[in-house]
Amino acid sequence: ESEHNYGKHQPQPQQQQQQQQLQQQHASPVLDGVRRRSKLHYMVESGRWVCDVCGRTYNRGDSLAHHRSIHRGDTICPICQTVFTRKYTMRCHMVNVHGVK
C-alpha cells in the first residue's frame, strides 16, 4: 500500500495570502452588499459556503441562499409547524398529510 500525502492538497500559507490579495483586488461593493444582506459567509480556507444560523455547508452560494429560506420560516403548516419555502408546497402537504381540502 502506498501512503497518501494529504498535506500536499492543503493550501500553503503563501497560496492563501495570494488568494486573499486577489479577492481584495476584485472586491465588488455590490457583491459585498448582497452577501451582507443575505448573511452569506464564504469560507476562503475550505472554499465552501456556510449557513450562519445552523452551520450547514454548501459548495455554491445559490444553494446556501435557497437553504436560508428555511430559517426565515416563510410558510409554516398551522397543524404540525413544518416549515416550507413555498405556499404551494405547504398546500400540497396540507392535502396529502392532513387531509385538508
PDB file of N, CA and C in Angstrom:
ATOM      1  N   GLU A   1       0.831  -1.191   0.000  1.00  0.00           N
ATOM      2  CA  GLU A   1       0.000   0.000   0.000  1.00  0.00           C
ATOM      3  C   GLU A   1       0.873   1.250   0.000  1.00  0.00           C
ATOM      4  N   SER A   2       0.445   2.226  -0.730  1.00  0.00           N
ATOM      5  CA  SER A   2       1.189   3.483  -0.728  1.00  0.00           C
ATOM      6  C   SER A   2       0.518   4.451   0.236  1.00  0.00           C
ATOM      7  N   GLU A   3       1.331   5.212   0.905  1.00  0.00           N
ATOM      8  CA  GLU A   3       0.813   6.179   1.857  1.00  0.00           C
ATOM      9  C   GLU A   3       0.547   7.492   1.130  1.00  0.00           C
ATOM     10  N   HIS A   4      -0.656   8.029   1.291  1.00  0.00           N
ATOM     11  CA  HIS A   4      -1.045   9.255   0.592  1.00  0.00           C
ATOM     12  C   HIS A   4      -0.597  10.464   1.403  1.00  0.00           C
ATOM     13  N   ASN A   5      -0.040  11.429   0.731  1.00  0.00           N
ATOM     14  CA  ASN A   5       0.402  12.653   1.386  1.00  0.00           C
ATOM     15  C   ASN A   5      -0.721  13.691   1.304  1.00  0.00           C
ATOM     16  N   TYR A   6      -1.572  13.733   2.339  1.00  0.00           N
ATOM     17  CA  TYR A   6      -2.712  14.644   2.327  1.00  0.00           C
ATOM     18  C   TYR A   6      -2.289  16.105   2.438  1.00  0.00           C
ATOM     19  N   GLY A   7      -1.140  16.343   3.042  1.00  0.00           N
ATOM     20  CA  GLY A   7      -0.675  17.713   3.219  1.00  0.00           C
ATOM     21  C   GLY A   7      -0.449  18.444   1.912  1.00  0.00           C
ATOM     22  N   LYS A   8      -0.102  17.705   0.848  1.00  0.00           N
ATOM     23  CA  LYS A   8       0.166  18.380  -0.420  1.00  0.00           C
ATOM     24  C   LYS A   8      -1.097  18.972  -1.041  1.00  0.00           C
ATOM     25  N   HIS A   9      -2.274  18.532  -0.586  1.00  0.00           N
ATOM     26  CA  HIS A   9      -3.534  19.055  -1.117  1.00  0.00           C
ATOM     27  C   HIS A   9      -4.016  20.280  -0.341  1.00  0.00           C
ATOM     28  N   GLN A  10      -3.387  20.553   0.781  1.00  0.00           N
ATOM     29  CA  GLN A  10      -3.781  21.694   1.595  1.00  0.00           C
ATOM     30  C   GLN A  10      -3.093  22.953   1.069  1.00  0.00           C
ATOM     31  N   PRO A  11      -3.819  24.072   1.015  1.00  0.00           N
ATOM     32  CA  PRO A  11      -3.189  25.312   0.547  1.00  0.00           C
ATOM     33  C   PRO A  11      -2.082  25.738   1.504  1.00  0.00           C
ATOM     34  N   GLN A  12      -1.001  26.190   0.945  1.00  0.00           N
ATOM     35  CA  GLN A  12       0.127  26.668   1.731  1.00  0.00           C
ATOM     36  C   GLN A  12      -0.150  28.116   2.137  1.00  0.00           C
ATOM     37  N   PRO A  13       0.463  28.580   3.228  1.00  0.00           N
ATOM     38  CA  PRO A  13       0.204  29.961   3.685  1.00  0.00           C
ATOM     39  C   PRO A  13       0.412  31.004   2.591  1.00  0.00           C
ATOM     40  N   GLN A  14       1.439  30.826   1.756  1.00  0.00           N
ATOM     41  CA  GLN A  14       1.692  31.795   0.685  1.00  0.00           C
ATOM     42  C   GLN A  14       0.548  31.778  -0.329  1.00  0.00           C
ATOM     43  N   GLN A  15       0.023  30.583  -0.638  1.00  0.00           N
ATOM     44  CA  GLN A  15      -1.097  30.477  -1.577  1.00  0.00           C
ATOM     45  C   GLN A  15      -2.337  31.142  -0.999  1.00  0.00           C
ATOM     46  N   GLN A  16      -2.579  30.943   0.298  1.00  0.00           N
ATOM     47  CA  GLN A  16      -3.734  31.561   0.937  1.00  0.00           C
ATOM     48  C   GLN A  16      -3.623  33.081   0.893  1.00  0.00           C
ATOM     49  N   GLN A  17      -2.425  33.591   1.140  1.00  0.00           N
ATOM     50  CA  GLN A  17      -2.214  35.039   1.116  1.00  0.00           C
ATOM     51  C   GLN A  17      -2.447  35.592  -0.286  1.00  0.00           C
ATOM     52  N   GLN A  18      -1.953  34.898  -1.311  1.00  0.00           N
ATOM     53  CA  GLN A  18      -2.162  35.338  -2.693  1.00  0.00           C
ATOM     54  C   GLN A  18      -3.644  35.320  -3.040  1.00  0.00           C
ATOM     55  N   GLN A  19      -4.352  34.282  -2.589  1.00  0.00           N
ATOM     56  CA  GLN A  19      -5.783  34.184  -2.870  1.00  0.00           C
ATOM     57  C   GLN A  19      -6.533  35.344  -2.214  1.00  0.00           C
ATOM     58  N   GLN A  20      -6.182  35.673  -0.986  1.00  0.00           N
ATOM     59  CA  GLN A  20      -6.836  36.779  -0.295  1.00  0.00           C
ATOM     60  C   GLN A  20      -6.547  38.113  -0.982  1.00  0.00           C
ATOM     61  N   GLN A  21      -5.319  38.295  -1.468  1.00  0.00           N
ATOM     62  CA  GLN A  21      -4.976  39.527  -2.177  1.00  0.00           C
ATOM     63  C   GLN A  21      -5.781  39.655  -3.463  1.00  0.00           C
ATOM     64  N   LEU A  22      -5.934  38.557  -4.198  1.00  0.00           N
ATOM     65  CA  LEU A  22      -6.733  38.586  -5.427  1.00  0.00           C
ATOM     66  C   LEU A  22      -8.177  38.939  -5.122  1.00  0.00           C
ATOM     67  N   GLN A  23      -8.713  38.364  -4.055  1.00  0.00           N
ATOM     68  CA  GLN A  23     -10.099  38.651  -3.697  1.00  0.00           C
ATOM     69  C   GLN A  23     -10.272  40.119  -3.323  1.00  0.00           C
ATOM     70  N   GLN A  24      -9.297  40.687  -2.639  1.00  0.00           N
ATOM     71  CA  GLN A  24      -9.381  42.099  -2.270  1.00  0.00           C
ATOM     72  C   GLN A  24      -9.295  42.998  -3.496  1.00  0.00           C
ATOM     73  N   GLN A  25      -8.463  42.618  -4.474  1.00  0.00           N
ATOM     74  CA  GLN A  25      -8.316  43.416  -5.690  1.00  0.00           C
ATOM     75  C   GLN A  25      -9.593  43.403  -6.515  1.00  0.00           C
ATOM     76  N   HIS A  26     -10.313  42.296  -6.469  1.00  0.00           N
ATOM     77  CA  HIS A  26     -11.513  42.144  -7.289  1.00  0.00           C
ATOM     78  C   HIS A  26     -12.785  42.263  -6.457  1.00  0.00           C
ATOM     79  N   ALA A  27     -12.688  42.908  -5.310  1.00  0.00           N
ATOM     80  CA  ALA A  27     -13.850  43.067  -4.446  1.00  0.00           C
ATOM     81  C   ALA A  27     -14.883  43.952  -5.131  1.00  0.00           C
ATOM     82  N   SER A  28     -16.125  43.605  -4.965  1.00  0.00           N
ATOM     83  CA  SER A  28     -17.214  44.359  -5.563  1.00  0.00           C
ATOM     84  C   SER A  28     -18.131  44.869  -4.457  1.00  0.00           C
ATOM     85  N   PRO A  29     -18.370  46.180  -4.396  1.00  0.00           N
ATOM     86  CA  PRO A  29     -19.294  46.694  -3.380  1.00  0.00           C
ATOM     87  C   PRO A  29     -20.689  46.100  -3.520  1.00  0.00           C
ATOM     88  N   VAL A  30     -21.103  45.830  -4.753  1.00  0.00           N
ATOM     89  CA  VAL A  30     -22.429  45.249  -4.970  1.00  0.00           C
ATOM     90  C   VAL A  30     -22.474  43.847  -4.389  1.00  0.00           C
ATOM     91  N   LEU A  31     -21.475  43.032  -4.723  1.00  0.00           N
ATOM     92  CA  LEU A  31     -21.434  41.666  -4.213  1.00  0.00           C
ATOM     93  C   LEU A  31     -21.315  41.667  -2.697  1.00  0.00           C
ATOM     94  N   ASP A  32     -20.484  42.557  -2.158  1.00  0.00           N
ATOM     95  CA  ASP A  32     -20.349  42.645  -0.706  1.00  0.00           C
ATOM     96  C   ASP A  32     -21.686  42.974  -0.062  1.00  0.00           C
ATOM     97  N   GLY A  33     -22.439  43.875  -0.669  1.00  0.00           N
ATOM     98  CA  GLY A  33     -23.751  44.225  -0.140  1.00  0.00           C
ATOM     99  C   GLY A  33     -24.722  43.068  -0.188  1.00  0.00           C
ATOM    100  N   VAL A  34     -24.689  42.318  -1.277  1.00  0.00           N
ATOM    101  CA  VAL A  34     -25.571  41.153  -1.404  1.00  0.00           C
ATOM    102  C   VAL A  34     -25.235  40.137  -0.322  1.00  0.00           C
ATOM    103  N   ARG A  35     -23.961  39.887  -0.158  1.00  0.00           N
ATOM    104  CA  ARG A  35     -23.548  38.924   0.874  1.00  0.00           C
ATOM    105  C   ARG A  35     -23.966  39.400   2.260  1.00  0.00           C
ATOM    106  N   ARG A  36     -23.790  40.677   2.514  1.00  0.00           N
ATOM    107  CA  ARG A  36     -24.132  41.212   3.828  1.00  0.00           C
ATOM    108  C   ARG A  36     -25.630  41.106   4.067  1.00  0.00           C
ATOM    109  N   ARG A  37     -26.431  41.505   3.070  1.00  0.00           N
ATOM    110  CA  ARG A  37     -27.882  41.455   3.233  1.00  0.00           C
ATOM    111  C   ARG A  37     -28.377  40.033   3.388  1.00  0.00           C
ATOM    112  N   SER A  38     -27.789  39.111   2.675  1.00  0.00           N
ATOM    113  CA  SER A  38     -28.228  37.720   2.727  1.00  0.00           C
ATOM    114  C   SER A  38     -27.578  36.950   3.862  1.00  0.00           C
ATOM    115  N   LYS A  39     -26.638  37.588   4.532  1.00  0.00           N
ATOM    116  CA  LYS A  39     -25.877  36.948   5.602  1.00  0.00           C
ATOM    117  C   LYS A  39     -25.194  35.680   5.108  1.00  0.00           C
ATOM    118  N   LEU A  40     -24.692  35.747   3.888  1.00  0.00           N
ATOM    119  CA  LEU A  40     -23.932  34.631   3.345  1.00  0.00           C
ATOM    120  C   LEU A  40     -22.492  34.796   3.778  1.00  0.00           C
ATOM    121  N   HIS A  41     -21.872  33.692   4.084  1.00  0.00           N
ATOM    122  CA  HIS A  41     -20.486  33.754   4.535  1.00  0.00           C
ATOM    123  C   HIS A  41     -19.674  32.751   3.740  1.00  0.00           C
ATOM    124  N   TYR A  42     -18.676  33.219   3.059  1.00  0.00           N
ATOM    125  CA  TYR A  42     -17.829  32.348   2.251  1.00  0.00           C
ATOM    126  C   TYR A  42     -16.533  32.094   2.993  1.00  0.00           C
ATOM    127  N   MET A  43     -16.256  30.841   3.231  1.00  0.00           N
ATOM    128  CA  MET A  43     -15.032  30.494   3.939  1.00  0.00           C
ATOM    129  C   MET A  43     -13.932  30.239   2.927  1.00  0.00           C
ATOM    130  N   VAL A  44     -12.952  31.131   2.886  1.00  0.00           N
ATOM    131  CA  VAL A  44     -11.858  31.047   1.927  1.00  0.00           C
ATOM    132  C   VAL A  44     -11.052  29.772   2.145  1.00  0.00           C
ATOM    133  N   GLU A  45     -10.822  29.404   3.396  1.00  0.00           N
ATOM    134  CA  GLU A  45      -9.968  28.268   3.698  1.00  0.00           C
ATOM    135  C   GLU A  45     -10.499  26.980   3.077  1.00  0.00           C
ATOM    136  N   SER A  46     -11.790  26.751   3.157  1.00  0.00           N
ATOM    137  CA  SER A  46     -12.345  25.485   2.689  1.00  0.00           C
ATOM    138  C   SER A  46     -13.030  25.605   1.340  1.00  0.00           C
ATOM    139  N   GLY A  47     -13.280  26.826   0.874  1.00  0.00           N
ATOM    140  CA  GLY A  47     -13.958  27.005  -0.402  1.00  0.00           C
ATOM    141  C   GLY A  47     -15.415  26.590  -0.352  1.00  0.00           C
ATOM    142  N   ARG A  48     -16.040  26.690   0.833  1.00  0.00           N
ATOM    143  CA  ARG A  48     -17.439  26.289   0.968  1.00  0.00           C
ATOM    144  C   ARG A  48     -18.251  27.434   1.566  1.00  0.00           C
ATOM    145  N   TRP A  49     -19.538  27.434   1.261  1.00  0.00           N
ATOM    146  CA  TRP A  49     -20.464  28.427   1.790  1.00  0.00           C
ATOM    147  C   TRP A  49     -21.086  27.843   3.054  1.00  0.00           C
ATOM    148  N   VAL A  50     -21.156  28.645   4.117  1.00  0.00           N
ATOM    149  CA  VAL A  50     -21.611  28.150   5.411  1.00  0.00           C
ATOM    150  C   VAL A  50     -22.816  28.960   5.882  1.00  0.00           C
ATOM    151  N   CYS A  51     -23.871  28.254   6.308  1.00  0.00           N
ATOM    152  CA  CYS A  51     -25.047  28.916   6.868  1.00  0.00           C
ATOM    153  C   CYS A  51     -24.677  29.463   8.239  1.00  0.00           C
ATOM    154  N   ASP A  52     -24.901  30.758   8.457  1.00  0.00           N
ATOM    155  CA  ASP A  52     -24.536  31.360   9.734  1.00  0.00           C
ATOM    156  C   ASP A  52     -25.542  31.047  10.833  1.00  0.00           C
ATOM    157  N   VAL A  53     -26.644  30.376  10.496  1.00  0.00           N
ATOM    158  CA  VAL A  53     -27.635  30.003  11.504  1.00  0.00           C
ATOM    159  C   VAL A  53     -27.372  28.601  12.044  1.00  0.00           C
ATOM    160  N   CYS A  54     -27.189  27.625  11.147  1.00  0.00           N
ATOM    161  CA  CYS A  54     -27.058  26.231  11.586  1.00  0.00           C
ATOM    162  C   CYS A  54     -25.700  25.610  11.278  1.00  0.00           C
ATOM    163  N   GLY A  55     -24.863  26.303  10.498  1.00  0.00           N
ATOM    164  CA  GLY A  55     -23.534  25.787  10.201  1.00  0.00           C
ATOM    165  C   GLY A  55     -23.458  24.805   9.049  1.00  0.00           C
ATOM    166  N   ARG A  56     -24.562  24.524   8.404  1.00  0.00           N
ATOM    167  CA  ARG A  56     -24.551  23.606   7.269  1.00  0.00           C
ATOM    168  C   ARG A  56     -23.744  24.227   6.128  1.00  0.00           C
ATOM    169  N   THR A  57     -23.009  23.391   5.386  1.00  0.00           N
ATOM    170  CA  THR A  57     -22.140  23.919   4.334  1.00  0.00           C
ATOM    171  C   THR A  57     -22.626  23.513   2.950  1.00  0.00           C
ATOM    172  N   TYR A  58     -22.312  24.371   1.979  1.00  0.00           N
ATOM    173  CA  TYR A  58     -22.695  24.152   0.589  1.00  0.00           C
ATOM    174  C   TYR A  58     -21.537  24.516  -0.321  1.00  0.00           C
ATOM    175  N   ASN A  59     -21.491  23.886  -1.488  1.00  0.00           N
ATOM    176  CA  ASN A  59     -20.451  24.187  -2.471  1.00  0.00           C
ATOM    177  C   ASN A  59     -20.745  25.470  -3.236  1.00  0.00           C
ATOM    178  N   ARG A  60     -22.013  25.851  -3.300  1.00  0.00           N
ATOM    179  CA  ARG A  60     -22.398  27.023  -4.098  1.00  0.00           C
ATOM    180  C   ARG A  60     -23.201  28.007  -3.253  1.00  0.00           C
ATOM    181  N   GLY A  61     -22.986  29.283  -3.528  1.00  0.00           N
ATOM    182  CA  GLY A  61     -23.688  30.326  -2.797  1.00  0.00           C
ATOM    183  C   GLY A  61     -25.184  30.320  -3.032  1.00  0.00           C
ATOM    184  N   ASP A  62     -25.619  29.986  -4.254  1.00  0.00           N
ATOM    185  CA  ASP A  62     -27.057  29.984  -4.518  1.00  0.00           C
ATOM    186  C   ASP A  62     -27.748  28.843  -3.783  1.00  0.00           C
ATOM    187  N   SER A  63     -27.040  27.732  -3.547  1.00  0.00           N
ATOM    188  CA  SER A  63     -27.615  26.635  -2.759  1.00  0.00           C
ATOM    189  C   SER A  63     -27.820  27.082  -1.314  1.00  0.00           C
ATOM    190  N   LEU A  64     -26.858  27.827  -0.790  1.00  0.00           N
ATOM    191  CA  LEU A  64     -26.998  28.356   0.569  1.00  0.00           C
ATOM    192  C   LEU A  64     -28.151  29.353   0.634  1.00  0.00           C
ATOM    193  N   ALA A  65     -28.284  30.203  -0.367  1.00  0.00           N
ATOM    194  CA  ALA A  65     -29.368  31.190  -0.377  1.00  0.00           C
ATOM    195  C   ALA A  65     -30.726  30.490  -0.340  1.00  0.00           C
ATOM    196  N   HIS A  66     -30.866  29.405  -1.095  1.00  0.00           N
ATOM    197  CA  HIS A  66     -32.117  28.639  -1.082  1.00  0.00           C
ATOM    198  C   HIS A  66     -32.328  28.021   0.297  1.00  0.00           C
ATOM    199  N   HIS A  67     -31.284  27.461   0.887  1.00  0.00           N
ATOM    200  CA  HIS A  67     -31.368  26.856   2.214  1.00  0.00           C
ATOM    201  C   HIS A  67     -31.799  27.873   3.265  1.00  0.00           C
ATOM    202  N   ARG A  68     -31.292  29.098   3.179  1.00  0.00           N
ATOM    203  CA  ARG A  68     -31.591  30.117   4.187  1.00  0.00           C
ATOM    204  C   ARG A  68     -33.081  30.416   4.293  1.00  0.00           C
ATOM    205  N   SER A  69     -33.836  30.178   3.218  1.00  0.00           N
ATOM    206  CA  SER A  69     -35.275  30.441   3.278  1.00  0.00           C
ATOM    207  C   SER A  69     -35.954  29.555   4.322  1.00  0.00           C
ATOM    208  N   ILE A  70     -35.353  28.415   4.641  1.00  0.00           N
ATOM    209  CA  ILE A  70     -35.910  27.541   5.675  1.00  0.00           C
ATOM    210  C   ILE A  70     -35.873  28.255   7.026  1.00  0.00           C
ATOM    211  N   HIS A  71     -34.795  28.941   7.309  1.00  0.00           N
ATOM    212  CA  HIS A  71     -34.655  29.630   8.590  1.00  0.00           C
ATOM    213  C   HIS A  71     -35.563  30.851   8.686  1.00  0.00           C
ATOM    214  N   ARG A  72     -35.949  31.412   7.552  1.00  0.00           N
ATOM    215  CA  ARG A  72     -36.833  32.582   7.579  1.00  0.00           C
ATOM    216  C   ARG A  72     -38.243  32.189   7.985  1.00  0.00           C
ATOM    217  N   GLY A  73     -38.575  30.901   7.838  1.00  0.00           N
ATOM    218  CA  GLY A  73     -39.918  30.462   8.198  1.00  0.00           C
ATOM    219  C   GLY A  73     -40.963  31.091   7.309  1.00  0.00           C
ATOM    220  N   ASP A  74     -40.699  31.091   6.003  1.00  0.00           N
ATOM    221  CA  ASP A  74     -41.597  31.739   5.050  1.00  0.00           C
ATOM    222  C   ASP A  74     -43.037  31.241   5.174  1.00  0.00           C
ATOM    223  N   THR A  75     -43.225  29.932   5.245  1.00  0.00           N
ATOM    224  CA  THR A  75     -44.559  29.359   5.318  1.00  0.00           C
ATOM    225  C   THR A  75     -44.533  28.189   6.290  1.00  0.00           C
ATOM    226  N   ILE A  76     -45.388  28.225   7.303  1.00  0.00           N
ATOM    227  CA  ILE A  76     -45.408  27.188   8.331  1.00  0.00           C
ATOM    228  C   ILE A  76     -46.777  26.527   8.356  1.00  0.00           C
ATOM    229  N   CYS A  77     -46.780  25.192   8.382  1.00  0.00           N
ATOM    230  CA  CYS A  77     -48.032  24.442   8.475  1.00  0.00           C
ATOM    231  C   CYS A  77     -48.681  24.759   9.823  1.00  0.00           C
ATOM    232  N   PRO A  78     -49.945  25.200   9.815  1.00  0.00           N
ATOM    233  CA  PRO A  78     -50.602  25.551  11.075  1.00  0.00           C
ATOM    234  C   PRO A  78     -50.939  24.333  11.938  1.00  0.00           C
ATOM    235  N   ILE A  79     -50.861  23.136  11.356  1.00  0.00           N
ATOM    236  CA  ILE A  79     -51.201  21.927  12.107  1.00  0.00           C
ATOM    237  C   ILE A  79     -49.972  21.306  12.771  1.00  0.00           C
ATOM    238  N   CYS A  80     -48.888  21.117  12.000  1.00  0.00           N
ATOM    239  CA  CYS A  80     -47.713  20.413  12.545  1.00  0.00           C
ATOM    240  C   CYS A  80     -46.460  21.289  12.616  1.00  0.00           C
ATOM    241  N   GLN A  81     -46.539  22.535  12.210  1.00  0.00           N
ATOM    242  CA  GLN A  81     -45.442  23.501  12.251  1.00  0.00           C
ATOM    243  C   GLN A  81     -44.249  23.139  11.359  1.00  0.00           C
ATOM    244  N   THR A  82     -44.466  22.301  10.354  1.00  0.00           N
ATOM    245  CA  THR A  82     -43.418  22.032   9.378  1.00  0.00           C
ATOM    246  C   THR A  82     -43.203  23.298   8.555  1.00  0.00           C
ATOM    247  N   VAL A  83     -41.945  23.625   8.290  1.00  0.00           N
ATOM    248  CA  VAL A  83     -41.605  24.853   7.571  1.00  0.00           C
ATOM    249  C   VAL A  83     -41.444  24.553   6.085  1.00  0.00           C
ATOM    250  N   PHE A  84     -42.056  25.386   5.264  1.00  0.00           N
ATOM    251  CA  PHE A  84     -41.967  25.257   3.810  1.00  0.00           C
ATOM    252  C   PHE A  84     -41.460  26.563   3.221  1.00  0.00           C
ATOM    253  N   THR A  85     -40.784  26.457   2.098  1.00  0.00           N
ATOM    254  CA  THR A  85     -40.282  27.660   1.443  1.00  0.00           C
ATOM    255  C   THR A  85     -41.292  28.229   0.456  1.00  0.00           C
ATOM    256  N   ARG A  86     -42.299  27.450   0.117  1.00  0.00           N
ATOM    257  CA  ARG A  86     -43.309  27.902  -0.848  1.00  0.00           C
ATOM    258  C   ARG A  86     -44.715  27.580  -0.341  1.00  0.00           C
ATOM    259  N   LYS A  87     -45.650  28.481  -0.567  1.00  0.00           N
ATOM    260  CA  LYS A  87     -47.034  28.253  -0.143  1.00  0.00           C
ATOM    261  C   LYS A  87     -47.639  27.056  -0.860  1.00  0.00           C
ATOM    262  N   TYR A  88     -47.310  26.893  -2.138  1.00  0.00           N
ATOM    263  CA  TYR A  88     -47.845  25.770  -2.907  1.00  0.00           C
ATOM    264  C   TYR A  88     -47.446  24.441  -2.270  1.00  0.00           C
ATOM    265  N   THR A  89     -46.202  24.327  -1.856  1.00  0.00           N
ATOM    266  CA  THR A  89     -45.724  23.092  -1.237  1.00  0.00           C
ATOM    267  C   THR A  89     -46.452  22.838   0.075  1.00  0.00           C
ATOM    268  N   MET A  90     -46.708  23.890   0.837  1.00  0.00           N
ATOM    269  CA  MET A  90     -47.447  23.714   2.078  1.00  0.00           C
ATOM    270  C   MET A  90     -48.883  23.276   1.803  1.00  0.00           C
ATOM    271  N   ARG A  91     -49.517  23.845   0.775  1.00  0.00           N
ATOM    272  CA  ARG A  91     -50.888  23.435   0.449  1.00  0.00           C
ATOM    273  C   ARG A  91     -50.933  21.964   0.055  1.00  0.00           C
ATOM    274  N   CYS A  92     -49.952  21.511  -0.734  1.00  0.00           N
ATOM    275  CA  CYS A  92     -49.882  20.086  -1.099  1.00  0.00           C
ATOM    276  C   CYS A  92     -49.697  19.234   0.155  1.00  0.00           C
ATOM    277  N   HIS A  93     -48.863  19.675   1.058  1.00  0.00           N
ATOM    278  CA  HIS A  93     -48.628  18.980   2.326  1.00  0.00           C
ATOM    279  C   HIS A  93     -49.928  18.887   3.124  1.00  0.00           C
ATOM    280  N   MET A  94     -50.658  19.988   3.211  1.00  0.00           N
ATOM    281  CA  MET A  94     -51.916  20.005   3.972  1.00  0.00           C
ATOM    282  C   MET A  94     -52.906  18.988   3.418  1.00  0.00           C
ATOM    283  N   VAL A  95     -52.997  18.902   2.096  1.00  0.00           N
ATOM    284  CA  VAL A  95     -53.919  17.956   1.461  1.00  0.00           C
ATOM    285  C   VAL A  95     -53.441  16.520   1.667  1.00  0.00           C
ATOM    286  N   ASN A  96     -52.174  16.267   1.364  1.00  0.00           N
ATOM    287  CA  ASN A  96     -51.660  14.897   1.381  1.00  0.00           C
ATOM    288  C   ASN A  96     -51.422  14.341   2.783  1.00  0.00           C
ATOM    289  N   VAL A  97     -50.997  15.168   3.710  1.00  0.00           N
ATOM    290  CA  VAL A  97     -50.655  14.681   5.048  1.00  0.00           C
ATOM    291  C   VAL A  97     -51.816  14.841   6.025  1.00  0.00           C
ATOM    292  N   HIS A  98     -52.489  15.973   5.972  1.00  0.00           N
ATOM    293  CA  HIS A  98     -53.528  16.260   6.958  1.00  0.00           C
ATOM    294  C   HIS A  98     -54.946  16.104   6.401  1.00  0.00           C
ATOM    295  N   GLY A  99     -55.073  15.847   5.121  1.00  0.00           N
ATOM    296  CA  GLY A  99     -56.389  15.644   4.517  1.00  0.00           C
ATOM    297  C   GLY A  99     -57.222  16.902   4.401  1.00  0.00           C
ATOM    298  N   VAL A 100     -56.601  18.059   4.485  1.00  0.00           N
ATOM    299  CA  VAL A 100     -57.312  19.331   4.366  1.00  0.00           C
ATOM    300  C   VAL A 100     -57.547  19.610   2.893  1.00  0.00           C
ATOM    301  N   LYS A 101     -58.785  19.922   2.539  1.00  0.00           N
ATOM    302  CA  LYS A 101     -59.123  20.198   1.131  1.00  0.00           C
ATOM    303  C   LYS A 101     -59.198  21.678   0.871  1.00  0.00           C
TER     304      LYS A 101
END
